[in-house]
Amino acid sequence: MLTWFKSIAGIKLLIMNKFLFFICFIFFYKTAVCQTVYPYQDIKLEKPSDYRETEPLALSAATFILTTPFIEIDAGRSGALQFLSNWVTGTKDYSFYMQGVVLDISNDRNLLSLFVAAMTKYSLENKAEAVNPMRIEHQACKLVLAYCDDPKNNFKLKKKYRKFLEKSFLKTF
């Protein structure tokens, strides 16, 4: 009878240890994932094939910018944005319409960075529709407005820029 109690106590102890390990694992995993930012500054974009090979990273950078709260000075965000700017200006597979809304919002560097990220994200997720620059601009406006409307993102959109984005978003093509 005594061995039976010892084995039950051992099983309970084993279960408690596994449960405690599981809770610690989840806590440390979440902490590690939240603090991990891809080292975008290490990516070399020198030849056309580099741009094709880094399309998933460009999508990752754009998604990162559009899913993390805005912080004025943030090394991870700056690295992602610098890589994305280099990728957008150098890729031959996609053309981005740098007129229209881009010119209207070009005085606000932070808003412009969101817009470039939105154009990239839409183009890479919808390759068949990426040939229509007006469609890309329209969808980028939609993504940026959604980002700015979410209070968790800490981005204050000025009224004049909201008008530009909404005007372009409401256009039909």
C-alpha atoms as a PDB file:
ATOM      1  CA  MET A   1       0.000   0.000   0.000  1.00  0.00           C
ATOM      2  CA  LEU A   2       2.840   2.377   0.824  1.00  0.00           C
ATOM      3  CA  THR A   3       4.453   1.892  -2.603  1.00  0.00           C
ATOM      4  CA  TRP A   4       1.119   2.695  -4.222  1.00  0.00           C
ATOM      5  CA  PHE A   5       1.016   6.075  -2.416  1.00  0.00           C
ATOM      6  CA  LYS A   6       4.626   6.751  -3.379  1.00  0.00           C
ATOM      7  CA  SER A   7       3.890   6.049  -7.029  1.00  0.00           C
ATOM      8  CA  ILE A   8       0.835   8.356  -7.006  1.00  0.00           C
ATOM      9  CA  ALA A   9       2.852  11.088  -5.303  1.00  0.00           C
ATOM     10  CA  GLY A  10       5.590  10.609  -7.887  1.00  0.00           C
ATOM     11  CA  ILE A  11       3.109  10.903 -10.738  1.00  0.00           C
ATOM     12  CA  LYS A  12       1.633  14.101  -9.230  1.00  0.00           C
ATOM     13  CA  LEU A  13       5.100  15.552  -8.819  1.00  0.00           C
ATOM     14  CA  LEU A  14       5.962  14.659 -12.418  1.00  0.00           C
ATOM     15  CA  ILE A  15       2.771  16.278 -13.718  1.00  0.00           C
ATOM     16  CA  MET A  16       3.398  19.426 -11.662  1.00  0.00           C
ATOM     17  CA  ASN A  17       6.964  19.650 -12.950  1.00  0.00           C
ATOM     18  CA  LYS A  18       5.822  19.280 -16.551  1.00  0.00           C
ATOM     19  CA  PHE A  19       3.115  21.874 -16.035  1.00  0.00           C
ATOM     20  CA  LEU A  20       5.598  24.310 -14.465  1.00  0.00           C
ATOM     21  CA  PHE A  21       8.047  23.707 -17.319  1.00  0.00           C
ATOM     22  CA  PHE A  22       5.264  24.321 -19.857  1.00  0.00           C
ATOM     23  CA  ILE A  23       4.278  27.640 -18.218  1.00  0.00           C
ATOM     24  CA  CYS A  24       7.925  28.786 -18.104  1.00  0.00           C
ATOM     25  CA  PHE A  25       8.448  27.744 -21.719  1.00  0.00           C
ATOM     26  CA  ILE A  26       5.426  29.732 -22.894  1.00  0.00           C
ATOM     27  CA  PHE A  27       6.526  32.807 -20.921  1.00  0.00           C
ATOM     28  CA  PHE A  28      10.094  32.749 -22.253  1.00  0.00           C
ATOM     29  CA  TYR A  29       8.965  31.932 -25.801  1.00  0.00           C
ATOM     30  CA  LYS A  30       6.590  34.899 -25.876  1.00  0.00           C
ATOM     31  CA  THR A  31       9.299  37.187 -24.469  1.00  0.00           C
ATOM     32  CA  ALA A  32      11.868  35.981 -26.998  1.00  0.00           C
ATOM     33  CA  VAL A  33       9.491  36.269 -29.967  1.00  0.00           C
ATOM     34  CA  CYS A  34       8.424  39.783 -28.998  1.00  0.00           C
ATOM     35  CA  GLN A  35      12.005  40.975 -28.900  1.00  0.00           C
ATOM     36  CA  THR A  36      13.234  39.329 -32.073  1.00  0.00           C
ATOM     37  CA  VAL A  37      13.625  41.558 -35.100  1.00  0.00           C
ATOM     38  CA  TYR A  38      15.132  40.288 -38.312  1.00  0.00           C
ATOM     39  CA  PRO A  39      18.511  41.898 -39.087  1.00  0.00           C
ATOM     40  CA  TYR A  40      17.335  43.541 -42.314  1.00  0.00           C
ATOM     41  CA  GLN A  41      20.483  45.663 -42.495  1.00  0.00           C
ATOM     42  CA  ASP A  42      22.515  42.518 -43.262  1.00  0.00           C
ATOM     43  CA  ILE A  43      20.623  41.717 -46.475  1.00  0.00           C
ATOM     44  CA  LYS A  44      22.565  42.452 -49.646  1.00  0.00           C
ATOM     45  CA  LEU A  45      20.649  43.690 -52.683  1.00  0.00           C
ATOM     46  CA  GLU A  46      23.205  43.845 -55.479  1.00  0.00           C
ATOM     47  CA  LYS A  47      21.827  41.985 -58.484  1.00  0.00           C
ATOM     48  CA  PRO A  48      18.305  41.362 -59.869  1.00  0.00           C
ATOM     49  CA  SER A  49      18.181  37.829 -58.497  1.00  0.00           C
ATOM     50  CA  ASP A  50      18.755  39.209 -54.976  1.00  0.00           C
ATOM     51  CA  TYR A  51      15.489  41.108 -55.212  1.00  0.00           C
ATOM     52  CA  ARG A  52      13.541  38.027 -56.317  1.00  0.00           C
ATOM     53  CA  GLU A  53      15.095  35.909 -53.586  1.00  0.00           C
ATOM     54  CA  THR A  54      14.267  38.464 -50.908  1.00  0.00           C
ATOM     55  CA  GLU A  55      10.590  38.902 -51.792  1.00  0.00           C
ATOM     56  CA  PRO A  56       9.541  36.939 -48.673  1.00  0.00           C
ATOM     57  CA  LEU A  57      11.755  39.201 -46.562  1.00  0.00           C
ATOM     58  CA  ALA A  58      10.250  42.301 -48.162  1.00  0.00           C
ATOM     59  CA  LEU A  59       6.799  40.978 -47.312  1.00  0.00           C
ATOM     60  CA  SER A  60       7.993  40.240 -43.793  1.00  0.00           C
ATOM     61  CA  ALA A  61       9.378  43.769 -43.385  1.00  0.00           C
ATOM     62  CA  ALA A  62       6.177  45.338 -44.729  1.00  0.00           C
ATOM     63  CA  THR A  63       4.045  43.187 -42.451  1.00  0.00           C
ATOM     64  CA  PHE A  64       6.264  44.042 -39.497  1.00  0.00           C
ATOM     65  CA  ILE A  65       5.855  47.771 -40.139  1.00  0.00           C
ATOM     66  CA  LEU A  66       2.078  47.463 -40.548  1.00  0.00           C
ATOM     67  CA  THR A  67       1.500  45.249 -37.511  1.00  0.00           C
ATOM     68  CA  THR A  68       3.648  46.861 -34.838  1.00  0.00           C
ATOM     69  CA  PRO A  69       2.741  50.004 -32.926  1.00  0.00           C
ATOM     70  CA  PHE A  70       4.393  53.157 -34.169  1.00  0.00           C
ATOM     71  CA  ILE A  71       7.397  54.376 -32.197  1.00  0.00           C
ATOM     72  CA  GLU A  72       9.239  57.426 -33.489  1.00  0.00           C
ATOM     73  CA  ILE A  73      12.717  56.036 -32.810  1.00  0.00           C
ATOM     74  CA  ASP A  74      12.851  52.262 -33.139  1.00  0.00           C
ATOM     75  CA  ALA A  75      15.908  50.427 -34.461  1.00  0.00           C
ATOM     76  CA  GLY A  76      13.937  47.376 -35.623  1.00  0.00           C
ATOM     77  CA  ARG A  77      11.401  49.452 -37.483  1.00  0.00           C
ATOM     78  CA  SER A  78      14.123  51.640 -39.009  1.00  0.00           C
ATOM     79  CA  GLY A  79      16.050  48.588 -40.236  1.00  0.00           C
ATOM     80  CA  ALA A  80      12.933  47.085 -41.791  1.00  0.00           C
ATOM     81  CA  LEU A  81      12.061  50.404 -43.421  1.00  0.00           C
ATOM     82  CA  GLN A  82      15.556  50.938 -44.817  1.00  0.00           C
ATOM     83  CA  PHE A  83      15.569  47.451 -46.330  1.00  0.00           C
ATOM     84  CA  LEU A  84      12.074  47.958 -47.736  1.00  0.00           C
ATOM     85  CA  SER A  85      13.050  51.296 -49.302  1.00  0.00           C
ATOM     86  CA  ASN A  86      16.072  49.703 -50.973  1.00  0.00           C
ATOM     87  CA  TRP A  87      13.988  46.752 -52.143  1.00  0.00           C
ATOM     88  CA  VAL A  88      11.190  48.925 -53.597  1.00  0.00           C
ATOM     89  CA  THR A  89      13.577  51.199 -55.487  1.00  0.00           C
ATOM     90  CA  GLY A  90      15.657  48.324 -56.863  1.00  0.00           C
ATOM     91  CA  THR A  91      13.201  45.587 -57.793  1.00  0.00           C
ATOM     92  CA  LYS A  92      12.523  45.123 -61.501  1.00  0.00           C
ATOM     93  CA  ASP A  93       9.635  42.687 -60.993  1.00  0.00           C
ATOM     94  CA  TYR A  94       7.271  45.249 -59.463  1.00  0.00           C
ATOM     95  CA  SER A  95       6.659  48.867 -60.306  1.00  0.00           C
ATOM     96  CA  PHE A  96       5.331  51.192 -57.682  1.00  0.00           C
ATOM     97  CA  TYR A  97       3.389  54.281 -58.667  1.00  0.00           C
ATOM     98  CA  MET A  98       5.218  57.129 -56.956  1.00  0.00           C
ATOM     99  CA  GLN A  99       2.749  59.806 -57.971  1.00  0.00           C
ATOM    100  CA  GLY A 100      -0.748  60.610 -56.731  1.00  0.00           C
ATOM    101  CA  VAL A 101      -1.106  59.858 -53.028  1.00  0.00           C
ATOM    102  CA  VAL A 102       2.645  59.455 -52.559  1.00  0.00           C
ATOM    103  CA  LEU A 103       3.182  63.058 -53.624  1.00  0.00           C
ATOM    104  CA  ASP A 104       0.325  64.237 -51.413  1.00  0.00           C
ATOM    105  CA  ILE A 105       1.742  62.585 -48.289  1.00  0.00           C
ATOM    106  CA  SER A 106       5.458  62.947 -49.048  1.00  0.00           C
ATOM    107  CA  ASN A 107       5.930  65.681 -46.429  1.00  0.00           C
ATOM    108  CA  ASP A 108       5.111  63.226 -43.626  1.00  0.00           C
ATOM    109  CA  ARG A 109       8.002  60.759 -43.605  1.00  0.00           C
ATOM    110  CA  ASN A 110       6.313  58.389 -41.130  1.00  0.00           C
ATOM    111  CA  LEU A 111       3.094  58.226 -43.104  1.00  0.00           C
ATOM    112  CA  LEU A 112       5.027  57.747 -46.321  1.00  0.00           C
ATOM    113  CA  SER A 113       6.867  54.782 -44.775  1.00  0.00           C
ATOM    114  CA  LEU A 114       3.530  53.188 -43.858  1.00  0.00           C
ATOM    115  CA  PHE A 115       2.266  53.761 -47.381  1.00  0.00           C
ATOM    116  CA  VAL A 116       5.326  52.187 -49.016  1.00  0.00           C
ATOM    117  CA  ALA A 117       5.003  49.208 -46.664  1.00  0.00           C
ATOM    118  CA  ALA A 118       1.303  48.902 -47.573  1.00  0.00           C
ATOM    119  CA  MET A 119       2.025  49.045 -51.330  1.00  0.00           C
ATOM    120  CA  THR A 120       4.693  46.368 -50.949  1.00  0.00           C
ATOM    121  CA  LYS A 121       2.496  44.137 -48.807  1.00  0.00           C
ATOM    122  CA  TYR A 122      -0.431  44.327 -51.205  1.00  0.00           C
ATOM    123  CA  SER A 123       1.755  43.767 -54.284  1.00  0.00           C
ATOM    124  CA  LEU A 124       3.496  40.714 -52.860  1.00  0.00           C
ATOM    125  CA  GLU A 125       0.309  39.161 -51.503  1.00  0.00           C
ATOM    126  CA  ASN A 126      -1.663  39.819 -54.721  1.00  0.00           C
ATOM    127  CA  LYS A 127       0.830  39.305 -57.522  1.00  0.00           C
ATOM    128  CA  ALA A 128      -1.826  38.975 -60.225  1.00  0.00           C
ATOM    129  CA  GLU A 129      -3.290  42.388 -59.344  1.00  0.00           C
ATOM    130  CA  ALA A 130       0.103  44.035 -58.800  1.00  0.00           C
ATOM    131  CA  VAL A 131       0.244  45.073 -62.463  1.00  0.00           C
ATOM    132  CA  ASN A 132      -2.391  47.768 -61.865  1.00  0.00           C
ATOM    133  CA  PRO A 133      -0.740  50.712 -60.051  1.00  0.00           C
ATOM    134  CA  MET A 134      -4.084  52.363 -59.260  1.00  0.00           C
ATOM    135  CA  ARG A 135      -5.298  49.170 -57.613  1.00  0.00           C
ATOM    136  CA  ILE A 136      -2.132  49.026 -55.518  1.00  0.00           C
ATOM    137  CA  GLU A 137      -2.568  52.660 -54.464  1.00  0.00           C
ATOM    138  CA  HIS A 138      -6.228  52.067 -53.609  1.00  0.00           C
ATOM    139  CA  GLN A 139      -5.475  49.017 -51.458  1.00  0.00           C
ATOM    140  CA  ALA A 140      -2.470  50.702 -49.832  1.00  0.00           C
ATOM    141  CA  CYS A 141      -4.773  53.554 -48.763  1.00  0.00           C
ATOM    142  CA  LYS A 142      -7.116  50.999 -47.247  1.00  0.00           C
ATOM    143  CA  LEU A 143      -4.284  49.320 -45.311  1.00  0.00           C
ATOM    144  CA  VAL A 144      -2.846  52.613 -44.054  1.00  0.00           C
ATOM    145  CA  LEU A 145      -6.240  53.915 -42.945  1.00  0.00           C
ATOM    146  CA  ALA A 146      -6.888  50.664 -41.063  1.00  0.00           C
ATOM    147  CA  TYR A 147      -3.489  50.971 -39.375  1.00  0.00           C
ATOM    148  CA  CYS A 148      -4.073  54.598 -38.391  1.00  0.00           C
ATOM    149  CA  ASP A 149      -7.583  53.929 -37.132  1.00  0.00           C
ATOM    150  CA  ASP A 150      -6.354  51.320 -34.652  1.00  0.00           C
ATOM    151  CA  PRO A 151      -5.527  53.162 -31.397  1.00  0.00           C
ATOM    152  CA  LYS A 152      -3.054  50.423 -30.397  1.00  0.00           C
ATOM    153  CA  ASN A 153      -0.744  51.578 -33.194  1.00  0.00           C
ATOM    154  CA  ASN A 154      -0.151  55.020 -31.627  1.00  0.00           C
ATOM    155  CA  PHE A 155      -0.178  56.758 -34.999  1.00  0.00           C
ATOM    156  CA  LYS A 156      -1.891  60.140 -35.192  1.00  0.00           C
ATOM    157  CA  LEU A 157      -2.999  60.805 -38.769  1.00  0.00           C
ATOM    158  CA  LYS A 158      -3.365  64.489 -39.588  1.00  0.00           C
ATOM    159  CA  LYS A 159      -6.704  65.531 -41.061  1.00  0.00           C
ATOM    160  CA  LYS A 160      -5.275  66.763 -44.354  1.00  0.00           C
ATOM    161  CA  TYR A 161      -3.520  63.440 -44.939  1.00  0.00           C
ATOM    162  CA  ARG A 162      -6.636  61.492 -43.960  1.00  0.00           C
ATOM    163  CA  LYS A 163      -8.515  63.426 -46.661  1.00  0.00           C
ATOM    164  CA  PHE A 164      -5.903  62.489 -49.288  1.00  0.00           C
ATOM    165  CA  LEU A 165      -6.051  58.818 -48.319  1.00  0.00           C
ATOM    166  CA  GLU A 166      -9.844  58.679 -48.112  1.00  0.00           C
ATOM    167  CA  LYS A 167     -10.228  60.530 -51.421  1.00  0.00           C
ATOM    168  CA  SER A 168      -7.950  58.047 -53.153  1.00  0.00           C
ATOM    169  CA  PHE A 169      -9.594  55.104 -51.407  1.00  0.00           C
ATOM    170  CA  LEU A 170     -13.061  56.191 -52.526  1.00  0.00           C
ATOM    171  CA  LYS A 171     -12.001  56.528 -56.168  1.00  0.00           C
ATOM    172  CA  THR A 172     -13.181  53.821 -58.484  1.00  0.00           C
ATOM    173  CA  PHE A 173     -11.024  52.660 -61.331  1.00  0.00           C
END
